[in-house]
N, C-alpha and C. Protein backbone atom coordinates (compact mmCIF):
# COMPACT_ATOMS: atom_id res chain seq x y z
N UNK A 1 46.09 -7.63 -36.07
CA UNK A 1 45.26 -8.21 -37.10
C UNK A 1 45.77 -7.73 -38.46
N UNK A 2 45.80 -8.62 -39.42
CA UNK A 2 46.25 -8.30 -40.77
C UNK A 2 45.05 -8.08 -41.66
N UNK A 3 45.12 -7.04 -42.50
CA UNK A 3 44.06 -6.71 -43.43
C UNK A 3 44.63 -6.64 -44.84
N UNK A 4 43.80 -6.91 -45.81
CA UNK A 4 44.21 -6.71 -47.20
C UNK A 4 43.98 -5.25 -47.57
N UNK A 5 44.91 -4.70 -48.30
CA UNK A 5 44.82 -3.31 -48.71
C UNK A 5 44.56 -3.25 -50.21
N UNK A 6 43.59 -2.46 -50.61
CA UNK A 6 43.36 -2.17 -52.02
C UNK A 6 44.33 -1.05 -52.38
N UNK A 7 45.41 -1.41 -53.07
CA UNK A 7 46.47 -0.44 -53.38
C UNK A 7 45.93 0.76 -54.14
N UNK A 8 45.05 0.53 -55.12
CA UNK A 8 44.50 1.63 -55.90
C UNK A 8 43.68 2.58 -55.03
N UNK A 9 42.91 2.03 -54.11
CA UNK A 9 42.11 2.86 -53.20
C UNK A 9 43.01 3.66 -52.26
N UNK A 10 44.08 3.02 -51.79
CA UNK A 10 45.03 3.71 -50.91
C UNK A 10 45.69 4.87 -51.64
N UNK A 11 46.15 4.62 -52.86
CA UNK A 11 46.79 5.67 -53.66
C UNK A 11 45.80 6.79 -53.94
N UNK A 12 44.57 6.45 -54.28
CA UNK A 12 43.54 7.46 -54.53
C UNK A 12 43.29 8.31 -53.28
N UNK A 13 43.26 7.67 -52.12
CA UNK A 13 43.07 8.41 -50.87
C UNK A 13 44.22 9.36 -50.59
N UNK A 14 45.43 8.91 -50.84
CA UNK A 14 46.60 9.77 -50.61
C UNK A 14 46.61 10.92 -51.61
N UNK A 15 46.18 10.67 -52.83
CA UNK A 15 46.09 11.76 -53.82
C UNK A 15 45.04 12.79 -53.40
N UNK A 16 43.97 12.33 -52.74
CA UNK A 16 42.97 13.28 -52.22
C UNK A 16 43.60 14.15 -51.12
N UNK A 17 44.44 13.54 -50.28
CA UNK A 17 45.14 14.30 -49.25
C UNK A 17 46.04 15.35 -49.91
N UNK A 18 46.73 14.96 -50.99
CA UNK A 18 47.59 15.91 -51.72
C UNK A 18 46.76 17.06 -52.27
N UNK A 19 45.59 16.76 -52.84
CA UNK A 19 44.72 17.80 -53.38
C UNK A 19 44.24 18.72 -52.25
N UNK A 20 43.89 18.15 -51.10
CA UNK A 20 43.44 18.95 -49.96
C UNK A 20 44.56 19.87 -49.47
N UNK A 21 45.80 19.38 -49.50
CA UNK A 21 46.94 20.22 -49.10
C UNK A 21 47.05 21.41 -50.04
N UNK A 22 46.88 21.16 -51.33
CA UNK A 22 46.95 22.26 -52.32
C UNK A 22 45.82 23.26 -52.08
N UNK A 23 44.62 22.75 -51.87
CA UNK A 23 43.48 23.63 -51.62
C UNK A 23 43.69 24.47 -50.36
N UNK A 24 44.22 23.87 -49.32
CA UNK A 24 44.51 24.58 -48.08
C UNK A 24 45.51 25.71 -48.33
N UNK A 25 46.55 25.41 -49.10
CA UNK A 25 47.55 26.43 -49.43
C UNK A 25 46.93 27.52 -50.29
N UNK A 26 46.18 27.12 -51.31
CA UNK A 26 45.57 28.06 -52.23
C UNK A 26 44.63 29.03 -51.52
N UNK A 27 43.94 28.55 -50.49
CA UNK A 27 42.99 29.37 -49.74
C UNK A 27 43.67 30.19 -48.65
N UNK A 28 44.99 30.03 -48.52
CA UNK A 28 45.72 30.79 -47.51
C UNK A 28 45.70 30.19 -46.13
N UNK A 29 45.29 28.93 -46.01
CA UNK A 29 45.22 28.28 -44.70
C UNK A 29 46.53 27.65 -44.27
N UNK A 30 47.51 27.63 -45.17
CA UNK A 30 48.83 27.12 -44.83
C UNK A 30 49.87 27.91 -45.61
N UNK A 31 51.07 27.92 -45.09
CA UNK A 31 52.15 28.64 -45.75
C UNK A 31 52.71 27.82 -46.90
N UNK A 32 53.51 28.47 -47.71
CA UNK A 32 54.17 27.77 -48.82
C UNK A 32 55.08 26.67 -48.27
N UNK A 33 55.79 26.98 -47.18
CA UNK A 33 56.68 25.99 -46.57
C UNK A 33 55.89 24.78 -46.08
N UNK A 34 54.76 25.03 -45.43
CA UNK A 34 53.93 23.93 -44.95
C UNK A 34 53.42 23.09 -46.11
N UNK A 35 53.00 23.77 -47.19
CA UNK A 35 52.50 23.04 -48.36
C UNK A 35 53.59 22.15 -48.93
N UNK A 36 54.79 22.69 -49.15
CA UNK A 36 55.85 21.89 -49.75
C UNK A 36 56.31 20.77 -48.82
N UNK A 37 56.26 21.00 -47.52
CA UNK A 37 56.57 19.94 -46.57
C UNK A 37 55.58 18.79 -46.72
N UNK A 38 54.31 19.11 -46.71
CA UNK A 38 53.28 18.08 -46.87
C UNK A 38 53.38 17.42 -48.23
N UNK A 39 53.58 18.21 -49.28
CA UNK A 39 53.67 17.67 -50.64
C UNK A 39 54.83 16.67 -50.75
N UNK A 40 55.97 17.01 -50.17
CA UNK A 40 57.12 16.12 -50.22
C UNK A 40 56.86 14.81 -49.51
N UNK A 41 56.25 14.88 -48.33
CA UNK A 41 55.92 13.66 -47.58
C UNK A 41 54.92 12.82 -48.38
N UNK A 42 53.93 13.46 -48.96
CA UNK A 42 52.92 12.74 -49.73
C UNK A 42 53.55 12.06 -50.94
N UNK A 43 54.41 12.78 -51.66
CA UNK A 43 55.06 12.20 -52.84
C UNK A 43 55.95 11.03 -52.46
N UNK A 44 56.70 11.18 -51.35
CA UNK A 44 57.54 10.07 -50.89
C UNK A 44 56.69 8.85 -50.52
N UNK A 45 55.56 9.11 -49.89
CA UNK A 45 54.65 8.03 -49.52
C UNK A 45 54.10 7.33 -50.76
N UNK A 46 53.69 8.11 -51.75
CA UNK A 46 53.19 7.51 -53.00
C UNK A 46 54.26 6.69 -53.69
N UNK A 47 55.47 7.19 -53.69
CA UNK A 47 56.58 6.46 -54.31
C UNK A 47 56.80 5.12 -53.60
N UNK A 48 56.79 5.16 -52.27
CA UNK A 48 56.96 3.94 -51.49
C UNK A 48 55.85 2.94 -51.81
N UNK A 49 54.63 3.39 -51.83
CA UNK A 49 53.50 2.51 -52.09
C UNK A 49 53.55 1.95 -53.50
N UNK A 50 53.91 2.79 -54.46
CA UNK A 50 53.97 2.33 -55.84
C UNK A 50 55.05 1.28 -56.07
N UNK A 51 56.03 1.21 -55.17
CA UNK A 51 57.09 0.22 -55.29
C UNK A 51 56.80 -1.06 -54.51
N UNK A 52 55.67 -1.12 -53.85
CA UNK A 52 55.30 -2.30 -53.07
C UNK A 52 54.51 -3.29 -53.90
N UNK A 53 54.74 -4.54 -53.63
CA UNK A 53 53.92 -5.60 -54.21
C UNK A 53 53.25 -6.39 -53.10
N UNK A 54 53.49 -6.01 -51.86
CA UNK A 54 52.96 -6.72 -50.70
C UNK A 54 51.44 -6.61 -50.68
N UNK A 55 50.79 -7.67 -50.30
CA UNK A 55 49.33 -7.68 -50.24
C UNK A 55 48.81 -7.59 -48.81
N UNK A 56 49.58 -8.10 -47.84
CA UNK A 56 49.11 -8.10 -46.46
C UNK A 56 50.06 -7.30 -45.58
N UNK A 57 49.52 -6.31 -44.88
CA UNK A 57 50.28 -5.51 -43.93
C UNK A 57 49.37 -5.15 -42.76
N UNK A 58 49.98 -4.65 -41.70
CA UNK A 58 49.20 -4.19 -40.56
C UNK A 58 48.66 -2.81 -40.92
N UNK A 59 47.45 -2.77 -41.43
CA UNK A 59 46.85 -1.55 -41.93
C UNK A 59 46.75 -0.47 -40.86
N UNK A 60 46.33 -0.84 -39.68
CA UNK A 60 46.15 0.16 -38.62
C UNK A 60 47.48 0.82 -38.24
N UNK A 61 48.53 0.02 -38.13
CA UNK A 61 49.84 0.56 -37.80
C UNK A 61 50.31 1.56 -38.85
N UNK A 62 50.19 1.19 -40.11
CA UNK A 62 50.65 2.06 -41.19
C UNK A 62 49.80 3.31 -41.30
N UNK A 63 48.48 3.17 -41.22
CA UNK A 63 47.64 4.37 -41.31
C UNK A 63 47.87 5.29 -40.11
N UNK A 64 48.16 4.73 -38.94
CA UNK A 64 48.50 5.55 -37.78
C UNK A 64 49.76 6.37 -38.04
N UNK A 65 50.77 5.74 -38.66
CA UNK A 65 52.00 6.48 -38.99
C UNK A 65 51.68 7.63 -39.93
N UNK A 66 50.92 7.35 -41.00
CA UNK A 66 50.61 8.40 -41.96
C UNK A 66 49.76 9.50 -41.33
N UNK A 67 48.81 9.12 -40.50
CA UNK A 67 47.99 10.12 -39.80
C UNK A 67 48.85 11.00 -38.90
N UNK A 68 49.81 10.37 -38.22
CA UNK A 68 50.70 11.13 -37.33
C UNK A 68 51.61 12.07 -38.13
N UNK A 69 52.11 11.61 -39.26
CA UNK A 69 52.93 12.46 -40.13
C UNK A 69 52.11 13.66 -40.59
N UNK A 70 50.89 13.43 -41.04
CA UNK A 70 50.03 14.52 -41.50
C UNK A 70 49.73 15.49 -40.36
N UNK A 71 49.48 14.96 -39.16
CA UNK A 71 49.19 15.81 -38.00
C UNK A 71 50.39 16.70 -37.67
N UNK A 72 51.60 16.15 -37.71
CA UNK A 72 52.80 16.95 -37.43
C UNK A 72 52.95 18.04 -38.49
N UNK A 73 52.74 17.69 -39.75
CA UNK A 73 52.86 18.69 -40.82
C UNK A 73 51.82 19.79 -40.67
N UNK A 74 50.64 19.44 -40.16
CA UNK A 74 49.56 20.42 -40.00
C UNK A 74 49.77 21.36 -38.81
N UNK A 75 50.07 20.78 -37.64
CA UNK A 75 50.04 21.63 -36.44
C UNK A 75 51.35 21.71 -35.66
N UNK A 76 52.37 20.97 -36.05
CA UNK A 76 53.69 20.99 -35.42
C UNK A 76 53.63 20.65 -33.92
N UNK A 77 52.66 19.80 -33.54
CA UNK A 77 52.51 19.43 -32.13
C UNK A 77 53.02 18.02 -31.89
N UNK A 78 53.68 17.82 -30.74
CA UNK A 78 54.12 16.49 -30.35
C UNK A 78 52.93 15.73 -29.76
N UNK A 79 53.12 14.46 -29.47
CA UNK A 79 52.05 13.68 -28.85
C UNK A 79 51.73 14.18 -27.45
N UNK A 80 52.65 14.94 -26.84
CA UNK A 80 52.41 15.52 -25.51
C UNK A 80 51.98 16.98 -25.60
N UNK A 81 51.50 17.38 -26.78
CA UNK A 81 50.98 18.73 -27.02
C UNK A 81 51.99 19.85 -26.82
N UNK A 82 53.23 19.58 -27.19
CA UNK A 82 54.26 20.61 -27.18
C UNK A 82 54.49 21.09 -28.61
N UNK A 83 54.63 22.40 -28.79
CA UNK A 83 54.85 22.96 -30.12
C UNK A 83 56.28 22.67 -30.56
N UNK A 84 56.45 22.18 -31.79
CA UNK A 84 57.77 21.90 -32.35
C UNK A 84 58.19 23.03 -33.28
N UNK A 85 59.49 23.22 -33.38
CA UNK A 85 60.00 24.11 -34.42
C UNK A 85 59.84 23.41 -35.76
N UNK A 86 59.94 24.16 -36.86
CA UNK A 86 59.85 23.54 -38.18
C UNK A 86 60.94 22.48 -38.35
N UNK A 87 62.15 22.78 -37.88
CA UNK A 87 63.26 21.83 -38.01
C UNK A 87 62.97 20.54 -37.23
N UNK A 88 62.43 20.68 -36.02
CA UNK A 88 62.10 19.50 -35.23
C UNK A 88 60.99 18.70 -35.89
N UNK A 89 59.99 19.40 -36.44
CA UNK A 89 58.89 18.72 -37.13
C UNK A 89 59.42 17.93 -38.33
N UNK A 90 60.32 18.53 -39.08
CA UNK A 90 60.91 17.82 -40.23
C UNK A 90 61.69 16.59 -39.77
N UNK A 91 62.45 16.72 -38.69
CA UNK A 91 63.19 15.58 -38.15
C UNK A 91 62.24 14.47 -37.72
N UNK A 92 61.14 14.83 -37.07
CA UNK A 92 60.17 13.85 -36.60
C UNK A 92 59.51 13.15 -37.79
N UNK A 93 59.14 13.91 -38.81
CA UNK A 93 58.53 13.34 -40.01
C UNK A 93 59.52 12.40 -40.70
N UNK A 94 60.77 12.82 -40.78
CA UNK A 94 61.81 11.97 -41.40
C UNK A 94 61.92 10.65 -40.65
N UNK A 95 61.95 10.71 -39.33
CA UNK A 95 62.07 9.51 -38.50
C UNK A 95 60.87 8.59 -38.70
N UNK A 96 59.66 9.14 -38.69
CA UNK A 96 58.46 8.33 -38.90
C UNK A 96 58.44 7.70 -40.28
N UNK A 97 58.82 8.48 -41.29
CA UNK A 97 58.85 7.95 -42.66
C UNK A 97 59.87 6.83 -42.79
N UNK A 98 61.04 7.01 -42.17
CA UNK A 98 62.09 5.99 -42.22
C UNK A 98 61.62 4.71 -41.52
N UNK A 99 61.02 4.85 -40.34
CA UNK A 99 60.51 3.69 -39.62
C UNK A 99 59.43 2.97 -40.43
N UNK A 100 58.56 3.73 -41.07
CA UNK A 100 57.52 3.14 -41.90
C UNK A 100 58.13 2.36 -43.05
N UNK A 101 59.10 2.96 -43.71
CA UNK A 101 59.77 2.32 -44.83
C UNK A 101 60.46 1.03 -44.41
N UNK A 102 61.17 1.08 -43.28
CA UNK A 102 61.87 -0.11 -42.78
C UNK A 102 60.88 -1.22 -42.44
N UNK A 103 59.78 -0.87 -41.78
CA UNK A 103 58.77 -1.86 -41.43
C UNK A 103 58.21 -2.53 -42.68
N UNK A 104 57.83 -1.72 -43.65
CA UNK A 104 57.22 -2.26 -44.87
C UNK A 104 58.23 -3.12 -45.62
N UNK A 105 59.49 -2.68 -45.69
CA UNK A 105 60.52 -3.46 -46.37
C UNK A 105 60.72 -4.81 -45.68
N UNK A 106 60.81 -4.81 -44.35
CA UNK A 106 60.98 -6.07 -43.62
C UNK A 106 59.77 -6.98 -43.82
N UNK A 107 58.59 -6.41 -43.76
CA UNK A 107 57.37 -7.19 -43.94
C UNK A 107 57.33 -7.79 -45.34
N UNK A 108 57.69 -7.01 -46.33
CA UNK A 108 57.69 -7.46 -47.72
C UNK A 108 58.67 -8.62 -47.90
N UNK A 109 59.88 -8.47 -47.35
CA UNK A 109 60.88 -9.54 -47.46
C UNK A 109 60.40 -10.81 -46.75
N UNK A 110 59.76 -10.64 -45.60
CA UNK A 110 59.25 -11.79 -44.87
C UNK A 110 58.17 -12.49 -45.68
N UNK A 111 57.32 -11.72 -46.34
CA UNK A 111 56.26 -12.30 -47.18
C UNK A 111 56.84 -13.12 -48.32
N UNK A 112 57.97 -12.64 -48.87
CA UNK A 112 58.61 -13.32 -49.99
C UNK A 112 59.56 -14.43 -49.53
N UNK A 113 59.74 -14.54 -48.22
CA UNK A 113 60.64 -15.56 -47.67
C UNK A 113 62.10 -15.21 -47.81
N UNK A 114 62.40 -13.91 -48.00
CA UNK A 114 63.77 -13.47 -48.13
C UNK A 114 64.41 -13.30 -46.75
N UNK A 115 65.72 -13.33 -46.72
CA UNK A 115 66.47 -13.13 -45.48
C UNK A 115 66.35 -11.68 -45.05
N UNK A 116 66.07 -11.47 -43.75
CA UNK A 116 65.90 -10.10 -43.22
C UNK A 116 67.20 -9.48 -42.84
């Protein structure tokens, strides 16, 4: 199912996640490395969103990717509940972010009628 996304609301929500990451770090609930990992993913996500003009996307699919990225950054657990090393977690986050970017790019081009 396709849903319309309020870009401003999405960006505001992601900025709240960024603020929560800072608060978690400030309170000692996460390490500096964990904070910067989350901050980098959040900034990359905001950059990607700010460069989009697409109005219709599969909201559930995209939010699932972002939720999964945040979960990996928080607890370093795989979907099968195995603990990942920091390097493996970064690789997994990179892969999810790349897949998300490719999906959104293809969807955007399809919306504009461009060749894929």
